[in-house]
Protein backbone atom coordinates (compact mmCIF):
# COMPACT_ATOMS: atom_id res chain seq x y z
CA MET A 1 30.13 1.71 -57.26
CA LEU A 2 27.03 3.45 -56.38
CA SER A 3 27.05 4.87 -52.85
CA ASN A 4 24.37 3.99 -50.51
CA LYS A 5 23.92 7.70 -49.78
CA ILE A 6 22.70 8.05 -53.47
CA LEU A 7 20.21 5.22 -52.54
CA SER A 8 18.93 6.93 -49.63
CA VAL A 9 18.35 10.19 -51.24
CA LEU A 10 16.16 8.50 -53.99
CA LEU A 11 14.29 6.76 -51.28
CA TYR A 12 13.94 10.14 -49.43
CA VAL A 13 12.27 11.97 -52.61
CA SER A 14 9.99 8.87 -53.11
CA VAL A 15 8.50 9.41 -49.89
CA PHE A 16 8.45 13.01 -50.35
CA HIS A 17 6.26 12.61 -53.35
CA LEU A 18 4.09 10.32 -51.27
CA SER A 19 3.46 13.03 -48.67
CA THR A 20 3.14 16.26 -50.70
CA THR A 21 1.41 15.41 -53.85
CA ASP A 22 -2.30 15.14 -54.29
CA THR A 23 -4.04 15.00 -57.70
CA ALA A 24 -6.68 13.44 -59.30
CA LEU A 25 -4.84 10.33 -61.29
CA ALA A 26 -5.46 7.01 -62.47
CA ASP A 27 -5.84 4.20 -60.39
CA ILE A 28 -3.13 1.68 -59.48
CA ASP A 29 -5.41 -1.10 -60.26
CA GLU A 30 -3.72 -3.69 -62.82
CA VAL A 31 -4.11 -7.15 -62.23
CA TYR A 32 -0.92 -8.43 -64.14
CA ARG A 33 2.22 -6.89 -64.26
CA LEU A 34 5.21 -8.73 -65.93
CA SER A 35 8.78 -7.17 -66.16
CA VAL A 36 11.97 -8.34 -68.05
CA GLY A 37 15.35 -6.52 -67.53
CA THR A 38 19.05 -6.41 -66.81
CA ASN A 39 21.26 -5.48 -63.98
CA ILE A 40 24.56 -3.62 -64.21
CA SER A 41 26.11 -4.11 -60.92
CA ASN A 42 29.41 -3.85 -59.23
CA TYR A 43 29.93 -7.17 -57.00
CA ASN A 44 32.21 -8.04 -53.96
CA SER A 45 31.71 -11.84 -53.44
CA ASP A 46 33.50 -14.71 -51.63
CA ILE A 47 32.93 -18.21 -50.77
CA THR A 48 34.27 -20.76 -48.20
CA LEU A 49 34.46 -24.34 -49.38
CA ASN A 50 33.67 -27.32 -47.43
CA SER A 51 36.39 -27.76 -44.48
CA SER A 52 36.11 -30.91 -42.33
CA SER A 53 37.77 -29.07 -39.51
CA GLY A 54 34.95 -26.52 -39.43
CA SER A 55 37.20 -23.35 -39.74
CA PHE A 56 35.95 -20.50 -41.82
CA ASP A 57 39.04 -18.08 -41.34
CA LYS A 58 40.29 -18.33 -44.94
CA THR A 59 37.80 -17.15 -47.39
CA ILE A 60 38.26 -16.78 -51.09
CA SER A 61 37.44 -13.92 -52.72
CA PHE A 62 35.96 -14.33 -56.24
CA GLU A 63 37.28 -11.06 -57.38
CA ASP A 64 40.95 -10.81 -55.70
CA ASP A 65 41.77 -14.88 -55.57
CA LEU A 66 39.86 -16.22 -58.34
CA GLY A 67 40.32 -13.63 -60.78
CA MET A 68 36.51 -12.75 -61.41
CA THR A 69 35.67 -9.33 -62.45
CA ASN A 70 33.64 -6.93 -60.40
CA GLN A 71 31.20 -5.83 -63.00
CA VAL A 72 28.26 -8.17 -63.44
CA ASN A 73 25.40 -8.07 -65.77
CA SER A 74 22.75 -10.33 -65.38
CA SER A 75 19.00 -10.59 -66.63
CA TRP A 76 15.83 -11.41 -64.77
CA ILE A 77 12.11 -11.78 -65.39
CA SER A 78 9.31 -10.75 -62.51
CA ALA A 79 5.73 -11.34 -62.55
CA ARG A 80 3.02 -9.86 -60.18
CA TYR A 81 -0.66 -10.96 -59.78
CA ARG A 82 -3.20 -9.30 -57.72
CA VAL A 83 -5.24 -11.83 -56.02
CA GLY A 84 -7.71 -9.02 -54.50
CA ASP A 85 -7.56 -5.33 -54.00
CA LEU A 86 -5.23 -5.56 -51.28
CA HIS A 87 -3.32 -8.73 -52.00
CA HIS A 88 -0.36 -9.45 -54.30
CA ILE A 89 1.64 -12.62 -55.15
CA ARG A 90 4.96 -11.99 -56.99
CA PHE A 91 7.60 -14.21 -58.55
CA THR A 92 11.04 -13.13 -59.70
CA TYR A 93 13.88 -15.30 -61.37
CA ILE A 94 17.18 -14.19 -61.79
CA PRO A 95 20.21 -16.52 -63.04
CA ILE A 96 23.72 -15.55 -62.56
CA SER A 97 26.81 -16.68 -64.23
CA ARG A 98 30.29 -16.10 -63.87
CA THR A 99 33.60 -17.58 -65.11
CA SER A 100 37.33 -16.73 -64.74
CA LEU A 101 40.89 -18.02 -65.71
CA THR A 102 43.72 -16.68 -63.68
CA GLN A 103 47.10 -17.34 -62.28
CA SER A 104 47.05 -17.31 -58.56
CA VAL A 105 49.29 -15.06 -56.55
CA ASN A 106 48.28 -16.36 -53.43
CA ASP A 107 47.90 -19.82 -51.57
CA ILE A 108 44.39 -20.92 -51.61
CA ILE A 109 42.99 -23.72 -49.44
CA ILE A 110 40.12 -25.49 -51.03
CA ASP A 111 38.78 -28.85 -49.23
CA ASP A 112 41.70 -28.94 -46.87
CA THR A 113 44.20 -28.85 -49.96
CA THR A 114 46.62 -25.77 -50.37
CA ILE A 115 46.98 -24.74 -54.01
CA LYS A 116 50.28 -22.99 -54.29
CA ALA A 117 50.73 -19.56 -55.64
CA GLY A 118 51.52 -19.60 -59.23
CA ALA A 119 48.69 -22.08 -60.20
CA SER A 120 46.66 -21.80 -63.33
CA ILE A 121 42.77 -21.76 -61.89
CA SER A 122 39.67 -21.87 -63.82
CA THR A 123 36.50 -21.14 -61.74
CA LYS A 124 32.72 -21.25 -62.80
CA THR A 125 29.72 -20.15 -60.36
CA LYS A 126 26.19 -20.29 -61.37
CA SER A 127 23.47 -19.17 -58.91
CA ASP A 128 19.74 -19.46 -59.75
CA ILE A 129 17.71 -17.27 -57.65
CA ILE A 130 14.18 -17.76 -56.88
CA ASP A 131 12.33 -14.76 -55.13
CA PHE A 132 8.28 -15.36 -54.09
CA SER A 133 6.65 -13.18 -51.67
CA TYR A 134 3.32 -12.35 -50.95
CA ILE A 135 2.40 -8.73 -50.27
CA TYR A 136 -0.42 -6.91 -48.23
CA ASN A 137 -1.21 -3.63 -48.75
CA PHE A 138 -2.35 -2.22 -45.49
CA HIS A 139 -2.85 1.42 -47.06
CA LYS A 140 -4.09 2.01 -50.30
CA THR A 141 -5.54 4.96 -52.12
CA PRO A 142 -6.13 5.37 -55.87
CA GLN A 143 -2.44 6.49 -56.45
CA LEU A 144 -0.77 4.90 -53.46
CA GLU A 145 -0.04 1.46 -52.15
CA ILE A 146 1.99 0.53 -49.15
CA GLY A 147 2.41 -3.01 -48.44
CA PHE A 148 3.89 -5.47 -46.19
CA SER A 149 5.95 -8.50 -47.72
CA ALA A 150 6.74 -11.80 -46.50
CA GLY A 151 8.24 -14.69 -48.84
CA ILE A 152 11.11 -17.20 -49.52
CA TYR A 153 14.40 -15.90 -51.02
CA TRP A 154 15.77 -19.30 -52.68
CA LEU A 155 19.25 -19.52 -53.65
CA LEU A 156 20.80 -22.32 -55.71
CA ASN A 157 24.55 -21.94 -56.02
CA ASN A 158 27.05 -24.34 -57.74
CA THR A 159 30.70 -23.61 -57.87
CA GLN A 160 33.53 -25.49 -59.69
CA VAL A 161 37.00 -24.79 -59.44
CA LEU A 162 39.93 -26.52 -61.64
CA ALA A 163 43.78 -25.98 -61.07
CA ALA A 164 47.01 -26.94 -62.45
CA GLY A 165 50.05 -26.32 -60.18
CA GLU A 166 51.66 -27.03 -57.30
CA VAL A 167 49.27 -28.51 -54.16
CA GLN A 168 49.78 -29.69 -50.78
CA ALA A 169 47.26 -31.82 -48.97
CA GLU A 170 46.51 -31.14 -45.34
CA GLY A 171 48.83 -33.25 -43.18
CA ASP A 172 51.54 -34.08 -45.94
CA ASP A 173 54.52 -32.24 -45.98
CA GLU A 174 55.29 -32.93 -49.66
CA VAL A 175 54.20 -30.50 -52.43
CA VAL A 176 53.19 -32.08 -55.62
CA PHE A 177 52.35 -30.94 -59.11
CA LYS A 178 48.80 -31.86 -60.24
CA SER A 179 47.33 -30.90 -63.71
CA ASP A 180 43.54 -32.08 -62.93
CA PHE A 181 42.86 -30.79 -59.23
CA SER A 182 39.21 -29.98 -59.30
CA SER A 183 36.36 -29.21 -56.43
CA GLU A 184 32.94 -28.62 -56.94
CA GLN A 185 30.73 -27.18 -54.16
CA LYS A 186 27.03 -26.85 -53.94
CA LEU A 187 24.56 -24.72 -51.92
CA GLN A 188 20.94 -24.56 -51.80
CA ALA A 189 19.40 -22.33 -49.23
CA PRO A 190 15.95 -21.32 -49.14
CA MET A 191 15.66 -18.08 -46.85
CA PRO A 192 12.58 -16.21 -45.50
CA LEU A 193 12.33 -12.78 -46.23
CA ILE A 194 9.91 -9.78 -44.87
CA GLY A 195 9.80 -6.30 -45.92
CA LEU A 196 7.93 -2.88 -46.77
CA SER A 197 6.90 -1.63 -50.46
CA VAL A 198 5.64 1.50 -51.76
CA ASN A 199 4.34 2.12 -54.93
CA TYR A 200 2.98 5.81 -56.01
CA GLU A 201 1.51 7.37 -59.24
CA ILE A 202 2.94 10.96 -59.92
CA MET A 203 0.79 10.89 -62.96
CA PRO A 204 -0.94 8.60 -65.36
CA SER A 205 2.37 7.98 -67.14
CA TRP A 206 4.96 8.40 -64.45
CA ARG A 207 5.42 6.12 -61.27
CA THR A 208 7.81 5.73 -58.54
CA HIS A 209 8.47 2.92 -56.20
CA ALA A 210 10.79 1.74 -53.16
CA SER A 211 11.19 -1.32 -51.37
CA PHE A 212 13.02 -2.62 -48.20
CA ARG A 213 13.57 -6.19 -47.05
CA TYR A 214 15.49 -7.61 -44.49
CA LEU A 215 16.01 -10.86 -42.36
CA ASP A 216 18.72 -12.51 -40.09
CA VAL A 217 17.50 -16.15 -39.86
CA LEU A 218 18.64 -19.42 -38.73
CA VAL A 219 16.67 -22.45 -39.93
CA ASN A 220 17.63 -26.06 -39.35
CA ASP A 221 21.05 -26.07 -40.85
CA ILE A 222 20.94 -22.92 -42.68
CA SER A 223 21.99 -19.54 -41.51
CA GLY A 224 21.64 -16.37 -43.44
CA ARG A 225 21.43 -12.58 -43.50
CA ILE A 226 19.92 -10.58 -46.35
CA LEU A 227 19.58 -6.93 -46.99
CA SER A 228 17.93 -5.41 -50.00
CA LEU A 229 17.04 -2.03 -50.89
CA GLU A 230 15.49 -0.79 -54.08
CA ALA A 231 14.10 2.59 -55.62
CA GLY A 232 13.34 3.77 -59.08
CA THR A 233 10.69 4.98 -61.72
CA GLU A 234 8.82 3.94 -64.52
CA TYR A 235 7.45 5.82 -67.73
CA TYR A 236 4.33 4.32 -69.52
CA PHE A 237 3.85 4.94 -73.13
CA ASN A 238 0.20 3.84 -72.95
CA ASN A 239 -1.95 1.98 -70.35
CA ASN A 240 0.33 -1.12 -70.72
CA TRP A 241 3.58 -0.83 -72.01
CA GLY A 242 6.53 0.86 -70.02
CA ILE A 243 10.18 1.35 -69.20
CA GLY A 244 11.69 1.90 -65.90
CA VAL A 245 15.13 2.27 -64.22
CA SER A 246 16.19 1.84 -60.53
CA ILE A 247 19.09 1.82 -58.42
CA ALA A 248 19.55 -0.88 -55.81
CA THR A 249 21.87 -2.19 -53.14
CA PHE A 250 21.87 -5.98 -52.04
CA GLU A 251 23.91 -7.89 -49.42
CA LEU A 252 23.73 -11.71 -48.62
CA ASP A 253 25.72 -14.00 -46.36
CA VAL A 254 24.23 -17.62 -45.93
CA GLU A 255 25.86 -20.82 -44.59
CA ALA A 256 24.84 -24.39 -44.85
CA ILE A 257 26.22 -26.93 -42.43
CA GLY A 258 26.53 -30.56 -43.93
CA ILE A 259 27.61 -33.59 -42.18
CA ILE A 260 31.24 -33.53 -43.62
CA GLY A 261 31.79 -29.63 -43.45
CA SER A 262 29.93 -26.41 -44.07
CA THR A 263 29.68 -24.15 -47.16
CA ALA A 264 29.45 -20.35 -46.83
CA LEU A 265 28.52 -17.97 -49.72
CA GLY A 266 28.57 -13.87 -49.42
CA TRP A 267 28.02 -11.23 -51.82
CA SER A 268 27.36 -7.44 -52.07
CA HIS A 269 26.47 -5.39 -54.76
CA ASP A 270 25.37 -1.80 -55.98
CA GLY A 271 23.98 -1.46 -59.58
CA VAL A 272 21.42 -0.11 -61.91
CA GLN A 273 18.59 -2.08 -63.09
CA ILE A 274 16.92 -1.18 -66.60
CA TYR A 275 13.66 -3.06 -67.79
CA ALA A 276 10.51 -3.31 -69.98
CA THR A 277 7.24 -3.76 -68.02
CA PHE A 278 3.76 -4.60 -69.18
CA LYS A 279 0.56 -4.22 -66.97
CA TYR A 280 -2.87 -5.03 -67.65
């Protein structure tokens, strides 16, 4: 797993460049920008499924309890449009799918039902992330943009669990064998997110960037906390086409309270992003 110390060093280097380099370079003035890439990340994630009693002290780990691997590779697409010299809008879409098939080593409680250790468990979780933000560059030079961002981080998650083994319903003293136990949980959480971003052109073919975004918020029946840090560099072969690499750390905890119960989802990951980019 990449450490936060490495990320801090890269962020420091980016800021150092901003304050020490002063050369005549081409402007950062493209109107359109499109990037397509992949994440290679190490995940730690968990979910607390609906509980009619409202208890959230028995969290299920996707990796430890449901047998999912820590390494997750996911593709993404991001578009950015310069509305004016100081104004941008940005849209990013990230689909994440994970599956596992394992034999449980501990009792697992799902929907007030205890699945006994030794059961065969199949899990599928799919998350669609829509990240939309507006960026205002409060400081701009031909080679440097520093901006404030505000937007919506929209998470749509669907988790399905199938099990075959001994189960015990809440309030029932009898343990029975079931070959078709199933549970499906859906979580939709639109959360506001604010932050800062920096783009700097070292020379016409090289750029660096860094961003920090955070919010801890309660909106109606949804509460959530997001922390996102990213820093990287890009190399452009010509005025339009380039490749980039960045490192990022991300933490998310969200809970949606329903009429019957609540669903809580949390994950954190550190990883590398590799992408191709086009600007015009």
